[in-house]
C-alpha cells in the first residue's frame, strides 16, 4: 500500500509540474489576436521592441518591451502613428501571461491611465 501511495504521489507531482506555462516560446515572433474584435491587429515582437499594426485603420504603435519574468512584461509606448492617440506615448502597460498552449497564450493587460480596465486577450503565434 505504501508503494502505491508513493507511486501515485510522484505521478501526480510530475503531471502537475509538467503543465507550467511555457511563456519563453512567446518572447519573440509574429502574433495575431484571436478575438474578432481585434482581428485587424498584428504584432511583431523582438527581444526589446513590439510593433502593433491595425490593417484597417493604419494605426501603428511602437513599444519597448521589458521582460520582468518569464511570463510577465511591460510595454512602454514610444510612438503612435495617429495624432489623436499621442497621449499614450510614455505610458506603461503591464502584461501577464496566464495560460499557454503550443501556439497561443492568454494574457491580461492591466489597467492604467490609458486603459481603464483589465483586458484579457488570446494571442496566436503565426510564425
N, C-alpha and C. Protein backbone atom coordinates (compact mmCIF):
# COMPACT_ATOMS: atom_id res chain seq x y z
N UNK A 1 0.83 -1.20 0.00
CA UNK A 1 0.00 0.00 0.00
C UNK A 1 0.87 1.26 0.00
N UNK A 2 1.95 1.21 0.78
CA UNK A 2 2.83 2.37 0.86
C UNK A 2 3.48 2.66 -0.49
N UNK A 3 3.87 1.59 -1.20
CA UNK A 3 4.48 1.77 -2.53
C UNK A 3 3.48 2.38 -3.50
N UNK A 4 2.24 1.97 -3.42
CA UNK A 4 1.21 2.53 -4.29
C UNK A 4 1.03 4.02 -4.02
N UNK A 5 1.02 4.39 -2.75
CA UNK A 5 0.90 5.80 -2.38
C UNK A 5 2.07 6.60 -2.94
N UNK A 6 3.28 6.11 -2.82
CA UNK A 6 4.47 6.81 -3.32
C UNK A 6 4.41 6.95 -4.83
N UNK A 7 4.02 5.90 -5.53
CA UNK A 7 3.91 5.96 -6.99
C UNK A 7 2.86 6.97 -7.41
N UNK A 8 1.71 6.97 -6.76
CA UNK A 8 0.66 7.93 -7.08
C UNK A 8 1.11 9.36 -6.78
N UNK A 9 1.81 9.56 -5.67
CA UNK A 9 2.29 10.90 -5.31
C UNK A 9 3.25 11.42 -6.37
N UNK A 10 4.22 10.61 -6.77
CA UNK A 10 5.18 11.07 -7.79
C UNK A 10 4.52 11.27 -9.15
N UNK A 11 3.59 10.43 -9.50
CA UNK A 11 2.87 10.61 -10.77
C UNK A 11 2.10 11.92 -10.78
N UNK A 12 1.41 12.20 -9.68
CA UNK A 12 0.66 13.44 -9.56
C UNK A 12 1.60 14.65 -9.63
N UNK A 13 2.72 14.57 -8.93
CA UNK A 13 3.69 15.67 -8.93
C UNK A 13 4.22 15.94 -10.33
N UNK A 14 4.55 14.90 -11.06
CA UNK A 14 5.08 15.07 -12.41
C UNK A 14 4.07 15.69 -13.35
N UNK A 15 2.81 15.28 -13.27
CA UNK A 15 1.81 15.85 -14.17
C UNK A 15 1.48 17.28 -13.79
N UNK A 16 1.51 17.59 -12.51
CA UNK A 16 1.23 18.96 -12.07
C UNK A 16 2.32 19.91 -12.53
N UNK A 17 3.58 19.56 -12.31
CA UNK A 17 4.68 20.43 -12.68
C UNK A 17 4.91 20.45 -14.18
N UNK A 18 4.50 19.44 -14.89
CA UNK A 18 4.68 19.38 -16.33
C UNK A 18 3.77 20.31 -17.10
N UNK A 19 2.80 20.93 -16.43
CA UNK A 19 1.85 21.79 -17.11
C UNK A 19 2.15 23.27 -16.93
N UNK A 20 3.38 23.60 -16.51
CA UNK A 20 3.75 25.01 -16.36
C UNK A 20 3.66 25.75 -17.69
N UNK A 21 3.33 27.00 -17.60
CA UNK A 21 3.26 27.83 -18.80
C UNK A 21 4.64 27.95 -19.43
N UNK A 22 4.73 27.79 -20.72
CA UNK A 22 5.98 27.91 -21.46
C UNK A 22 6.02 29.28 -22.12
N UNK A 23 6.08 30.30 -21.31
CA UNK A 23 5.99 31.68 -21.80
C UNK A 23 7.17 32.07 -22.68
N UNK A 24 8.33 31.47 -22.47
CA UNK A 24 9.51 31.84 -23.25
C UNK A 24 9.31 31.59 -24.74
N UNK A 25 8.38 30.72 -25.11
CA UNK A 25 8.08 30.46 -26.52
C UNK A 25 7.45 31.68 -27.21
N UNK A 26 7.01 32.66 -26.43
CA UNK A 26 6.28 33.80 -26.97
C UNK A 26 7.00 35.13 -26.81
N UNK A 27 8.28 35.08 -26.48
CA UNK A 27 9.03 36.33 -26.27
C UNK A 27 9.32 37.06 -27.57
N UNK A 28 9.46 36.34 -28.66
CA UNK A 28 9.70 36.96 -29.97
C UNK A 28 8.82 36.29 -31.01
N UNK A 29 8.57 37.01 -32.11
CA UNK A 29 7.81 36.42 -33.21
C UNK A 29 6.71 37.33 -33.72
N UNK A 30 5.88 36.75 -34.57
CA UNK A 30 4.72 37.46 -35.13
C UNK A 30 3.47 36.83 -34.55
N UNK A 31 2.50 37.70 -34.20
CA UNK A 31 1.31 37.25 -33.50
C UNK A 31 0.06 37.93 -34.05
N UNK A 32 -1.11 37.31 -33.75
CA UNK A 32 -2.41 37.89 -34.07
C UNK A 32 -3.32 37.62 -32.87
N UNK A 33 -4.25 38.53 -32.65
CA UNK A 33 -5.25 38.29 -31.62
C UNK A 33 -6.29 37.33 -32.15
N UNK A 34 -6.84 36.46 -31.30
CA UNK A 34 -7.84 35.51 -31.76
C UNK A 34 -9.25 36.08 -31.73
N UNK A 35 -9.47 37.13 -30.96
CA UNK A 35 -10.80 37.74 -30.86
C UNK A 35 -11.16 38.48 -32.15
N UNK A 36 -12.39 38.30 -32.64
CA UNK A 36 -12.84 39.05 -33.82
C UNK A 36 -12.78 40.57 -33.60
N UNK A 37 -12.88 41.02 -32.35
CA UNK A 37 -12.79 42.46 -32.06
C UNK A 37 -11.43 43.05 -32.44
N UNK A 38 -10.41 42.21 -32.42
CA UNK A 38 -9.05 42.66 -32.71
C UNK A 38 -8.46 41.96 -33.93
N UNK A 39 -9.32 41.48 -34.82
CA UNK A 39 -8.87 40.70 -35.98
C UNK A 39 -7.99 41.50 -36.93
N UNK A 40 -8.09 42.82 -36.93
CA UNK A 40 -7.30 43.66 -37.83
C UNK A 40 -5.89 43.95 -37.31
N UNK A 41 -5.58 43.49 -36.11
CA UNK A 41 -4.29 43.79 -35.49
C UNK A 41 -3.28 42.67 -35.71
N UNK A 42 -2.04 43.05 -35.97
CA UNK A 42 -0.93 42.10 -36.00
C UNK A 42 0.17 42.65 -35.09
N UNK A 43 0.97 41.74 -34.55
CA UNK A 43 2.03 42.10 -33.61
C UNK A 43 3.33 41.50 -34.09
N UNK A 44 4.37 42.30 -34.05
CA UNK A 44 5.73 41.82 -34.34
C UNK A 44 6.58 42.16 -33.12
N UNK A 45 7.20 41.13 -32.49
CA UNK A 45 7.94 41.36 -31.25
C UNK A 45 9.36 40.81 -31.35
N UNK A 46 10.34 41.63 -30.96
CA UNK A 46 11.73 41.19 -30.81
C UNK A 46 12.04 41.17 -29.32
N UNK A 47 13.30 40.96 -28.98
CA UNK A 47 13.71 40.95 -27.57
C UNK A 47 13.32 42.24 -26.86
N UNK A 48 13.40 43.36 -27.58
CA UNK A 48 13.25 44.65 -26.90
C UNK A 48 12.19 45.57 -27.49
N UNK A 49 11.57 45.20 -28.60
CA UNK A 49 10.57 46.07 -29.21
C UNK A 49 9.32 45.28 -29.62
N UNK A 50 8.22 45.99 -29.69
CA UNK A 50 6.98 45.42 -30.21
C UNK A 50 6.32 46.47 -31.09
N UNK A 51 5.85 46.02 -32.25
CA UNK A 51 5.12 46.89 -33.15
C UNK A 51 3.75 46.25 -33.40
N UNK A 52 2.70 47.00 -33.08
CA UNK A 52 1.33 46.55 -33.32
C UNK A 52 0.76 47.37 -34.46
N UNK A 53 0.18 46.69 -35.44
CA UNK A 53 -0.34 47.35 -36.63
C UNK A 53 -1.79 46.96 -36.85
N UNK A 54 -2.63 47.98 -37.08
CA UNK A 54 -4.03 47.74 -37.42
C UNK A 54 -4.16 47.92 -38.93
N UNK A 55 -4.45 46.83 -39.64
CA UNK A 55 -4.51 46.87 -41.10
C UNK A 55 -5.71 47.65 -41.63
N UNK A 56 -6.75 47.81 -40.82
CA UNK A 56 -7.94 48.53 -41.27
C UNK A 56 -7.78 50.05 -41.10
N UNK A 57 -7.26 50.48 -39.95
CA UNK A 57 -7.17 51.91 -39.66
C UNK A 57 -5.81 52.52 -40.00
N UNK A 58 -4.79 51.66 -40.15
CA UNK A 58 -3.44 52.15 -40.41
C UNK A 58 -2.69 52.56 -39.16
N UNK A 59 -3.30 52.39 -37.98
CA UNK A 59 -2.64 52.75 -36.74
C UNK A 59 -1.46 51.81 -36.49
N UNK A 60 -0.31 52.40 -36.15
CA UNK A 60 0.89 51.63 -35.81
C UNK A 60 1.37 52.12 -34.44
N UNK A 61 1.60 51.18 -33.54
CA UNK A 61 2.07 51.50 -32.19
C UNK A 61 3.43 50.84 -31.98
N UNK A 62 4.43 51.64 -31.64
CA UNK A 62 5.77 51.15 -31.35
C UNK A 62 5.96 51.18 -29.84
N UNK A 63 6.43 50.05 -29.28
CA UNK A 63 6.64 49.97 -27.83
C UNK A 63 7.97 49.30 -27.51
N UNK A 64 8.50 49.66 -26.35
CA UNK A 64 9.69 48.98 -25.82
C UNK A 64 9.19 47.85 -24.92
N UNK A 65 9.79 46.67 -25.08
CA UNK A 65 9.44 45.50 -24.28
C UNK A 65 10.48 45.33 -23.18
N UNK A 66 10.01 45.12 -21.97
CA UNK A 66 10.91 44.80 -20.85
C UNK A 66 10.32 43.61 -20.10
N UNK A 67 11.02 42.47 -20.17
CA UNK A 67 10.56 41.26 -19.51
C UNK A 67 10.89 41.34 -18.03
N UNK A 68 9.88 41.17 -17.18
CA UNK A 68 10.04 41.20 -15.73
C UNK A 68 10.26 39.79 -15.18
N UNK A 69 9.68 38.83 -15.86
CA UNK A 69 9.84 37.41 -15.53
C UNK A 69 9.53 36.65 -16.81
N UNK A 70 9.55 35.33 -16.73
CA UNK A 70 9.29 34.54 -17.93
C UNK A 70 7.88 34.78 -18.48
N UNK A 71 6.92 35.12 -17.61
CA UNK A 71 5.53 35.27 -18.03
C UNK A 71 4.95 36.66 -17.79
N UNK A 72 5.81 37.63 -17.58
CA UNK A 72 5.34 38.98 -17.30
C UNK A 72 6.26 40.00 -17.96
N UNK A 73 5.66 40.99 -18.62
CA UNK A 73 6.47 42.02 -19.26
C UNK A 73 5.71 43.33 -19.29
N UNK A 74 6.47 44.40 -19.55
CA UNK A 74 5.85 45.71 -19.72
C UNK A 74 6.08 46.18 -21.15
N UNK A 75 5.14 46.96 -21.63
CA UNK A 75 5.25 47.64 -22.92
C UNK A 75 5.19 49.13 -22.62
N UNK A 76 6.24 49.84 -22.99
CA UNK A 76 6.26 51.29 -22.86
C UNK A 76 6.02 51.87 -24.24
N UNK A 77 4.93 52.58 -24.41
CA UNK A 77 4.57 53.15 -25.70
C UNK A 77 5.58 54.23 -26.08
N UNK A 78 6.24 54.06 -27.22
CA UNK A 78 7.25 55.00 -27.69
C UNK A 78 6.73 55.94 -28.77
N UNK A 79 5.84 55.40 -29.63
CA UNK A 79 5.38 56.19 -30.77
C UNK A 79 4.07 55.61 -31.28
N UNK A 80 3.15 56.49 -31.67
CA UNK A 80 1.90 56.09 -32.33
C UNK A 80 1.78 56.88 -33.63
N UNK A 81 1.16 56.28 -34.61
CA UNK A 81 1.11 56.90 -35.93
C UNK A 81 -0.03 57.90 -36.09
N UNK A 82 -0.95 57.95 -35.15
CA UNK A 82 -2.08 58.86 -35.28
C UNK A 82 -2.08 59.88 -34.14
N UNK A 83 -2.18 61.14 -34.50
CA UNK A 83 -2.03 62.25 -33.54
C UNK A 83 -3.02 62.18 -32.38
N UNK A 84 -4.25 61.73 -32.62
CA UNK A 84 -5.25 61.73 -31.55
C UNK A 84 -4.93 60.71 -30.44
N UNK A 85 -3.93 59.87 -30.66
CA UNK A 85 -3.54 58.90 -29.64
C UNK A 85 -2.18 59.20 -29.02
N UNK A 86 -1.68 60.40 -29.23
CA UNK A 86 -0.37 60.79 -28.70
C UNK A 86 -0.32 60.72 -27.17
N UNK A 87 -1.46 60.82 -26.50
CA UNK A 87 -1.49 60.74 -25.04
C UNK A 87 -0.98 59.40 -24.52
N UNK A 88 -0.93 58.37 -25.37
CA UNK A 88 -0.46 57.04 -24.95
C UNK A 88 1.06 56.96 -24.89
N UNK A 89 1.75 57.87 -25.58
CA UNK A 89 3.22 57.84 -25.60
C UNK A 89 3.75 58.04 -24.17
N UNK A 90 4.67 57.16 -23.79
CA UNK A 90 5.25 57.21 -22.46
C UNK A 90 4.52 56.36 -21.43
N UNK A 91 3.32 55.91 -21.76
CA UNK A 91 2.54 55.10 -20.82
C UNK A 91 3.06 53.66 -20.82
N UNK A 92 2.95 53.02 -19.66
CA UNK A 92 3.45 51.65 -19.48
C UNK A 92 2.27 50.72 -19.30
N UNK A 93 2.29 49.62 -20.06
CA UNK A 93 1.26 48.60 -20.00
C UNK A 93 1.88 47.34 -19.40
N UNK A 94 1.28 46.82 -18.33
CA UNK A 94 1.75 45.60 -17.66
C UNK A 94 1.00 44.42 -18.25
N UNK A 95 1.73 43.44 -18.78
CA UNK A 95 1.13 42.26 -19.40
C UNK A 95 1.55 41.02 -18.61
N UNK A 96 0.57 40.19 -18.23
CA UNK A 96 0.84 38.93 -17.53
C UNK A 96 0.26 37.78 -18.35
N UNK A 97 1.11 36.86 -18.75
CA UNK A 97 0.66 35.67 -19.46
C UNK A 97 0.14 34.69 -18.42
N UNK A 98 -1.12 34.26 -18.60
CA UNK A 98 -1.75 33.40 -17.60
C UNK A 98 -1.88 31.95 -18.04
N UNK A 99 -1.94 31.72 -19.35
CA UNK A 99 -2.06 30.36 -19.89
C UNK A 99 -1.31 30.28 -21.20
N UNK A 100 -0.79 29.10 -21.49
CA UNK A 100 -0.14 28.89 -22.78
C UNK A 100 -0.56 27.54 -23.36
N UNK A 101 -0.46 27.46 -24.67
CA UNK A 101 -0.58 26.19 -25.37
C UNK A 101 0.58 26.17 -26.36
N UNK A 102 0.58 25.23 -27.24
CA UNK A 102 1.71 25.13 -28.18
C UNK A 102 1.88 26.37 -29.04
N UNK A 103 0.79 26.95 -29.54
CA UNK A 103 0.87 28.08 -30.47
C UNK A 103 0.18 29.35 -29.99
N UNK A 104 -0.33 29.36 -28.76
CA UNK A 104 -1.10 30.53 -28.32
C UNK A 104 -0.91 30.77 -26.83
N UNK A 105 -1.27 31.97 -26.42
CA UNK A 105 -1.27 32.28 -24.99
C UNK A 105 -2.42 33.21 -24.66
N UNK A 106 -2.81 33.20 -23.40
CA UNK A 106 -3.80 34.11 -22.86
C UNK A 106 -3.07 35.05 -21.92
N UNK A 107 -3.39 36.33 -22.02
CA UNK A 107 -2.73 37.30 -21.16
C UNK A 107 -3.74 38.30 -20.64
N UNK A 108 -3.32 38.99 -19.59
CA UNK A 108 -4.11 40.07 -19.04
C UNK A 108 -3.27 41.34 -19.12
N UNK A 109 -3.83 42.34 -19.78
CA UNK A 109 -3.21 43.65 -19.83
C UNK A 109 -3.85 44.46 -18.71
N UNK A 110 -3.04 44.85 -17.73
CA UNK A 110 -3.55 45.53 -16.54
C UNK A 110 -3.98 46.97 -16.87
N UNK A 111 -4.99 47.42 -16.17
CA UNK A 111 -5.50 48.78 -16.40
C UNK A 111 -4.44 49.81 -16.05
N UNK A 112 -4.53 50.95 -16.70
CA UNK A 112 -3.66 52.09 -16.42
C UNK A 112 -4.39 53.36 -16.83
N UNK A 113 -3.69 54.49 -16.95
CA UNK A 113 -4.39 55.74 -17.27
C UNK A 113 -4.93 55.78 -18.70
N UNK A 114 -4.45 54.91 -19.58
CA UNK A 114 -4.96 54.84 -20.95
C UNK A 114 -6.06 53.79 -21.06
N UNK A 115 -5.82 52.66 -20.45
CA UNK A 115 -6.74 51.52 -20.50
C UNK A 115 -7.45 51.44 -19.15
N UNK A 116 -8.74 51.70 -19.11
CA UNK A 116 -9.48 51.89 -17.86
C UNK A 116 -9.83 50.62 -17.11
N UNK A 117 -9.66 49.44 -17.72
CA UNK A 117 -9.94 48.19 -17.02
C UNK A 117 -8.99 47.11 -17.52
N UNK A 118 -8.83 46.04 -16.74
CA UNK A 118 -8.02 44.92 -17.18
C UNK A 118 -8.62 44.34 -18.45
N UNK A 119 -7.76 43.89 -19.34
CA UNK A 119 -8.21 43.37 -20.63
C UNK A 119 -7.59 41.98 -20.81
N UNK A 120 -8.43 40.96 -20.96
CA UNK A 120 -7.95 39.60 -21.20
C UNK A 120 -7.94 39.36 -22.71
N UNK A 121 -6.81 38.87 -23.22
CA UNK A 121 -6.64 38.65 -24.65
C UNK A 121 -6.05 37.28 -24.91
N UNK A 122 -6.48 36.68 -26.02
CA UNK A 122 -5.86 35.46 -26.50
C UNK A 122 -5.04 35.82 -27.73
N UNK A 123 -3.81 35.33 -27.76
CA UNK A 123 -2.87 35.70 -28.82
C UNK A 123 -2.31 34.44 -29.46
N UNK A 124 -2.29 34.41 -30.79
CA UNK A 124 -1.82 33.26 -31.56
C UNK A 124 -0.49 33.59 -32.21
N UNK A 125 0.49 32.73 -32.06
CA UNK A 125 1.78 32.92 -32.72
C UNK A 125 1.63 32.43 -34.16
N UNK A 126 2.00 33.28 -35.12
CA UNK A 126 1.79 32.94 -36.53
C UNK A 126 3.08 32.62 -37.27
N UNK A 127 4.23 32.73 -36.62
CA UNK A 127 5.46 32.31 -37.30
C UNK A 127 6.22 31.29 -36.51
